[in-house]
Amino acid sequence: MNLLLLIPPLAFIVMLLLSLGLSGFASLFSAKGKASAGKGQAYACGQNVEDNRIQPDYNEFFPIAFFFTIMHVSVLIIATAPKGEWLMAVLFIAVALLALRVLFRRDGNVCD
């Protein structure tokens, strides 16, 4: 039986059935009743949430996310580089610095 659970499709089916069973069991205890006035609204720690919410703009988020991606991948590649392969690490640092230079240009536009 233990070896059968190592087969990915079978393990997926077993976990899917278990999660469906748990969901069905939990629905027995869920609150049921008539729809109340606030039942379909978002919960915000007891505060009323206005319908006209501000939509976030991800233009400022992208450069920060890209910066952290470049830094984390650079550190991972450099830290795991083989002992005698210093040229690859230097080349990777140069490419990462070039990517950061393109990212933080003076005009502020990431994609032109």
C-alpha atoms as a PDB file:
ATOM      1  CA  MET A   1       0.000   0.000   0.000  1.00  0.00           C
ATOM      2  CA  ASN A   2       2.852   2.429   0.793  1.00  0.00           C
ATOM      3  CA  LEU A   3       4.355   1.933  -2.659  1.00  0.00           C
ATOM      4  CA  LEU A   4       1.032   2.628  -4.357  1.00  0.00           C
ATOM      5  CA  LEU A   5       0.892   6.111  -2.836  1.00  0.00           C
ATOM      6  CA  LEU A   6       4.213   6.928  -4.507  1.00  0.00           C
ATOM      7  CA  ILE A   7       2.544   6.838  -7.934  1.00  0.00           C
ATOM      8  CA  PRO A   8       1.687  10.532  -8.592  1.00  0.00           C
ATOM      9  CA  PRO A   9      -1.659  10.073 -10.398  1.00  0.00           C
ATOM     10  CA  LEU A  10      -2.893   7.635  -7.762  1.00  0.00           C
ATOM     11  CA  ALA A  11      -1.692   9.861  -4.916  1.00  0.00           C
ATOM     12  CA  PHE A  12      -3.484  12.802  -6.543  1.00  0.00           C
ATOM     13  CA  ILE A  13      -6.741  10.857  -6.798  1.00  0.00           C
ATOM     14  CA  VAL A  14      -6.482   9.673  -3.189  1.00  0.00           C
ATOM     15  CA  MET A  15      -5.822  13.216  -1.912  1.00  0.00           C
ATOM     16  CA  LEU A  16      -8.618  14.619  -4.095  1.00  0.00           C
ATOM     17  CA  LEU A  17     -11.089  12.103  -2.690  1.00  0.00           C
ATOM     18  CA  LEU A  18      -9.930  12.794   0.864  1.00  0.00           C
ATOM     19  CA  SER A  19     -10.286  16.557   0.420  1.00  0.00           C
ATOM     20  CA  LEU A  20     -13.733  16.193  -1.164  1.00  0.00           C
ATOM     21  CA  GLY A  21     -14.792  13.958   1.719  1.00  0.00           C
ATOM     22  CA  LEU A  22     -13.464  16.424   4.288  1.00  0.00           C
ATOM     23  CA  SER A  23     -15.218  19.292   2.505  1.00  0.00           C
ATOM     24  CA  GLY A  24     -18.493  17.367   2.502  1.00  0.00           C
ATOM     25  CA  PHE A  25     -18.089  16.525   6.180  1.00  0.00           C
ATOM     26  CA  ALA A  26     -17.320  20.146   7.072  1.00  0.00           C
ATOM     27  CA  SER A  27     -20.367  21.364   5.151  1.00  0.00           C
ATOM     28  CA  LEU A  28     -22.538  19.433   7.612  1.00  0.00           C
ATOM     29  CA  PHE A  29     -21.454  21.907  10.300  1.00  0.00           C
ATOM     30  CA  SER A  30     -21.602  25.094   8.196  1.00  0.00           C
ATOM     31  CA  ALA A  31     -24.114  27.791   8.949  1.00  0.00           C
ATOM     32  CA  LYS A  32     -27.293  27.459   6.971  1.00  0.00           C
ATOM     33  CA  GLY A  33     -30.247  29.733   6.895  1.00  0.00           C
ATOM     34  CA  LYS A  34     -31.872  32.630   5.193  1.00  0.00           C
ATOM     35  CA  ALA A  35     -29.739  35.175   3.429  1.00  0.00           C
ATOM     36  CA  SER A  36     -29.120  38.115   5.726  1.00  0.00           C
ATOM     37  CA  ALA A  37     -28.288  41.670   4.688  1.00  0.00           C
ATOM     38  CA  GLY A  38     -24.526  41.380   5.166  1.00  0.00           C
ATOM     39  CA  LYS A  39     -24.007  37.738   4.282  1.00  0.00           C
ATOM     40  CA  GLY A  40     -22.624  38.384   0.812  1.00  0.00           C
ATOM     41  CA  GLN A  41     -20.410  41.323   1.752  1.00  0.00           C
ATOM     42  CA  ALA A  42     -16.703  41.252   2.433  1.00  0.00           C
ATOM     43  CA  TYR A  43     -15.639  41.064   6.081  1.00  0.00           C
ATOM     44  CA  ALA A  44     -13.177  43.748   7.098  1.00  0.00           C
ATOM     45  CA  CYS A  45     -12.709  43.324  10.851  1.00  0.00           C
ATOM     46  CA  GLY A  46     -16.173  44.558  11.686  1.00  0.00           C
ATOM     47  CA  GLN A  47     -15.979  47.644   9.502  1.00  0.00           C
ATOM     48  CA  ASN A  48     -18.287  48.391   6.620  1.00  0.00           C
ATOM     49  CA  VAL A  49     -16.495  48.134   3.309  1.00  0.00           C
ATOM     50  CA  GLU A  50     -17.528  50.685   0.718  1.00  0.00           C
ATOM     51  CA  ASP A  51     -18.296  49.457  -2.766  1.00  0.00           C
ATOM     52  CA  ASN A  52     -16.050  52.072  -4.370  1.00  0.00           C
ATOM     53  CA  ARG A  53     -12.680  50.723  -3.318  1.00  0.00           C
ATOM     54  CA  ILE A  54      -9.374  51.832  -4.781  1.00  0.00           C
ATOM     55  CA  GLN A  55      -7.948  49.398  -7.308  1.00  0.00           C
ATOM     56  CA  PRO A  56      -4.223  48.849  -6.743  1.00  0.00           C
ATOM     57  CA  ASP A  57      -1.810  49.797  -9.487  1.00  0.00           C
ATOM     58  CA  TYR A  58       0.994  47.292  -9.935  1.00  0.00           C
ATOM     59  CA  ASN A  59       3.276  49.596 -11.917  1.00  0.00           C
ATOM     60  CA  GLU A  60       5.231  50.387  -8.752  1.00  0.00           C
ATOM     61  CA  PHE A  61       5.189  46.776  -7.581  1.00  0.00           C
ATOM     62  CA  PHE A  62       6.841  45.284 -10.691  1.00  0.00           C
ATOM     63  CA  PRO A  63      10.293  46.918 -10.347  1.00  0.00           C
ATOM     64  CA  ILE A  64      10.550  45.874  -6.702  1.00  0.00           C
ATOM     65  CA  ALA A  65       9.488  42.296  -7.463  1.00  0.00           C
ATOM     66  CA  PHE A  66      11.880  42.122 -10.414  1.00  0.00           C
ATOM     67  CA  PHE A  67      14.721  43.496  -8.267  1.00  0.00           C
ATOM     68  CA  PHE A  68      14.199  40.846  -5.590  1.00  0.00           C
ATOM     69  CA  THR A  69      13.936  38.135  -8.238  1.00  0.00           C
ATOM     70  CA  ILE A  70      17.235  39.183  -9.817  1.00  0.00           C
ATOM     71  CA  MET A  71      18.959  39.389  -6.434  1.00  0.00           C
ATOM     72  CA  HIS A  72      17.688  36.043  -5.155  1.00  0.00           C
ATOM     73  CA  VAL A  73      18.507  34.159  -8.346  1.00  0.00           C
ATOM     74  CA  SER A  74      21.942  35.814  -8.499  1.00  0.00           C
ATOM     75  CA  VAL A  75      22.781  34.843  -4.938  1.00  0.00           C
ATOM     76  CA  LEU A  76      21.521  31.296  -5.521  1.00  0.00           C
ATOM     77  CA  ILE A  77      23.602  30.845  -8.688  1.00  0.00           C
ATOM     78  CA  ILE A  78      26.729  32.394  -7.216  1.00  0.00           C
ATOM     79  CA  ALA A  79      26.475  30.491  -3.926  1.00  0.00           C
ATOM     80  CA  THR A  80      26.042  27.161  -5.681  1.00  0.00           C
ATOM     81  CA  ALA A  81      28.676  27.737  -8.375  1.00  0.00           C
ATOM     82  CA  PRO A  82      31.340  25.041  -8.574  1.00  0.00           C
ATOM     83  CA  LYS A  83      34.597  25.849  -6.827  1.00  0.00           C
ATOM     84  CA  GLY A  84      36.722  26.454  -9.927  1.00  0.00           C
ATOM     85  CA  GLU A  85      34.089  28.228 -12.000  1.00  0.00           C
ATOM     86  CA  TRP A  86      34.650  31.821 -10.868  1.00  0.00           C
ATOM     87  CA  LEU A  87      34.275  33.125 -14.435  1.00  0.00           C
ATOM     88  CA  MET A  88      30.660  31.986 -14.554  1.00  0.00           C
ATOM     89  CA  ALA A  89      29.925  33.793 -11.270  1.00  0.00           C
ATOM     90  CA  VAL A  90      31.549  37.015 -12.508  1.00  0.00           C
ATOM     91  CA  LEU A  91      29.609  36.803 -15.773  1.00  0.00           C
ATOM     92  CA  PHE A  92      26.381  36.255 -13.881  1.00  0.00           C
ATOM     93  CA  ILE A  93      27.087  39.265 -11.641  1.00  0.00           C
ATOM     94  CA  ALA A  94      27.686  41.386 -14.750  1.00  0.00           C
ATOM     95  CA  VAL A  95      24.393  40.280 -16.321  1.00  0.00           C
ATOM     96  CA  ALA A  96      22.546  40.933 -13.046  1.00  0.00           C
ATOM     97  CA  LEU A  97      24.057  44.426 -12.799  1.00  0.00           C
ATOM     98  CA  LEU A  98      23.046  45.117 -16.398  1.00  0.00           C
ATOM     99  CA  ALA A  99      19.494  43.968 -15.652  1.00  0.00           C
ATOM    100  CA  LEU A 100      19.365  46.249 -12.598  1.00  0.00           C
ATOM    101  CA  ARG A 101      20.701  49.144 -14.681  1.00  0.00           C
ATOM    102  CA  VAL A 102      17.915  48.631 -17.211  1.00  0.00           C
ATOM    103  CA  LEU A 103      15.372  48.307 -14.422  1.00  0.00           C
ATOM    104  CA  PHE A 104      16.315  51.520 -12.623  1.00  0.00           C
ATOM    105  CA  ARG A 105      16.862  53.901 -15.534  1.00  0.00           C
ATOM    106  CA  ARG A 106      16.513  57.615 -14.875  1.00  0.00           C
ATOM    107  CA  ASP A 107      13.332  58.023 -16.910  1.00  0.00           C
ATOM    108  CA  GLY A 108      11.550  55.561 -14.643  1.00  0.00           C
ATOM    109  CA  ASN A 109       9.937  53.519 -17.408  1.00  0.00           C
ATOM    110  CA  VAL A 110      10.517  49.821 -17.045  1.00  0.00           C
ATOM    111  CA  CYS A 111       9.177  48.750 -20.433  1.00  0.00           C
ATOM    112  CA  ASP A 112       9.708  50.961 -23.478  1.00  0.00           C
END
